[in-house]
Every structure is written in C-alpha cells, then in structure tokens.
Amino acid sequence: MAIHQMLRRSLSAGKRSSSKGNDVPKGHFAVYVGEGEKRRFVIPVSFLNEPSFQDLLCQAEEEFGFDHPMGGLTIPCSEEVFIDLTSRLSRT
C-alpha cells in the first residue's frame, strides 16, 4: 500500500539523519506540517488507522509523491487543521 511505503521511507530517512535532539519515541513518527514554513510534529503510529489521517496522507502523496523536501513525511495543510485533527484523534 502506498501510504505504508511512504511512512516506511520517511521513517528510514529520519533514522539516517537522526541526532540526539531529533529522536522519535518508539511507537511514534515525525511529520512536517504547514503551507509555508513547516513545523515538525511527533505523533503516534496509531493515527495511521484513522480514515481522516489517511486522507491527509493521500493528499501528501498527491502533492509530494515520495520525494519529501524536509527529509521526512510532509503534510500539506495548515498547522491549525492538523492540530485540530490530531486533538480529535487523541481523544478517541
């Protein structure tokens, strides 16, 4: 599945460039979010099971393919939309 390939590639790229300050806890992954300047978020892998999060990943695939300019998974939406979505997912 394309989403899992995208995540796997993003995670392996993150491991290569990881430094002490950029470590991601087990069970989480980093994404870059924003329409202009990108901000890094570390979120639980469990979000991958959520249809609304999968929609965001499909948008990222359409916009960036598998070439992520930030070196990690980049999600093309505003921080406000992303924070709202992840807040709702965290409550479920």
Protein backbone atom coordinates (compact mmCIF):
# COMPACT_ATOMS: atom_id res chain seq x y z
CA MET A 1 0.00 0.00 0.00
CA ALA A 2 1.35 3.43 -0.93
CA ILE A 3 0.75 5.02 2.48
CA HIS A 4 2.75 2.35 4.26
CA GLN A 5 5.58 2.67 1.73
CA MET A 6 5.59 6.43 2.26
CA LEU A 7 5.77 6.04 6.03
CA ARG A 8 8.45 3.35 5.88
CA ARG A 9 10.61 5.52 3.61
CA SER A 10 10.07 8.57 5.81
CA LEU A 11 10.98 6.68 8.97
CA SER A 12 14.13 5.19 7.46
CA ALA A 13 15.24 8.64 6.23
CA GLY A 14 14.64 10.01 9.72
CA LYS A 15 16.82 7.31 11.28
CA ARG A 16 19.73 8.19 8.98
CA SER A 17 19.60 11.89 9.82
CA SER A 18 18.57 11.49 13.44
CA SER A 19 20.55 13.27 16.12
CA LYS A 20 20.12 13.33 19.88
CA GLY A 21 17.62 16.23 19.73
CA ASN A 22 15.60 14.68 16.91
CA ASP A 23 14.93 11.21 18.33
CA VAL A 24 11.40 9.93 17.93
CA PRO A 25 9.97 7.72 20.68
CA LYS A 26 9.06 4.15 19.83
CA GLY A 27 5.52 3.94 18.51
CA HIS A 28 5.63 7.46 17.07
CA PHE A 29 6.80 9.16 13.89
CA ALA A 30 7.67 12.68 12.83
CA VAL A 31 5.81 14.70 10.23
CA TYR A 32 6.30 18.21 8.90
CA VAL A 33 3.17 20.31 8.62
CA GLY A 34 2.42 23.69 7.15
CA GLU A 35 1.61 25.51 3.97
CA GLY A 36 4.62 27.83 4.09
CA GLU A 37 7.15 27.27 6.83
CA LYS A 38 6.99 23.67 8.04
CA ARG A 39 6.76 22.68 11.70
CA ARG A 40 7.76 19.24 12.99
CA PHE A 41 5.25 17.16 14.97
CA VAL A 42 5.78 13.75 16.58
CA ILE A 43 2.59 11.71 16.57
CA PRO A 44 1.55 8.15 17.48
CA VAL A 45 1.68 5.47 14.79
CA SER A 46 -1.88 4.53 15.81
CA PHE A 47 -3.10 7.60 13.86
CA LEU A 48 -2.37 5.63 10.68
CA ASN A 49 -5.50 3.56 11.31
CA GLU A 50 -7.73 6.65 11.29
CA PRO A 51 -9.52 7.42 7.99
CA SER A 52 -9.21 11.18 8.48
CA PHE A 53 -5.44 10.89 8.94
CA GLN A 54 -5.21 8.57 5.94
CA ASP A 55 -6.90 11.30 3.88
CA LEU A 56 -4.11 13.70 4.87
CA LEU A 57 -1.51 11.12 3.85
CA CYS A 58 -3.16 10.71 0.45
CA GLN A 59 -3.01 14.48 -0.03
CA ALA A 60 0.68 14.41 0.88
CA GLU A 61 1.28 11.63 -1.64
CA GLU A 62 -0.53 13.60 -4.37
CA GLU A 63 1.44 16.77 -3.65
CA PHE A 64 4.91 15.38 -2.90
CA GLY A 65 4.93 11.78 -4.13
CA PHE A 66 7.75 10.02 -2.33
CA ASP A 67 10.18 12.96 -2.55
CA HIS A 68 9.82 14.84 0.73
CA PRO A 69 11.81 18.09 0.73
CA MET A 70 12.10 18.16 4.54
CA GLY A 71 13.66 14.68 4.71
CA GLY A 72 10.57 13.35 6.44
CA LEU A 73 6.89 12.99 5.76
CA THR A 74 5.44 16.40 4.80
CA ILE A 75 1.70 17.03 5.14
CA PRO A 76 0.35 19.94 3.07
CA CYS A 77 -2.21 21.51 5.37
CA SER A 78 -2.28 24.37 7.84
CA GLU A 79 -0.99 23.78 11.35
CA GLU A 80 -4.43 24.70 12.71
CA VAL A 81 -6.17 21.97 10.68
CA PHE A 82 -3.50 19.41 11.67
CA ILE A 83 -3.66 20.30 15.37
CA ASP A 84 -7.46 20.15 15.31
CA LEU A 85 -7.40 16.72 13.65
CA THR A 86 -4.74 15.24 15.94
CA SER A 87 -6.50 16.65 19.01
CA ARG A 88 -9.72 14.91 17.97
CA LEU A 89 -7.84 11.67 17.27
CA SER A 90 -6.11 11.82 20.65
CA ARG A 91 -9.48 11.95 22.40
CA THR A 92 -10.77 8.78 20.75
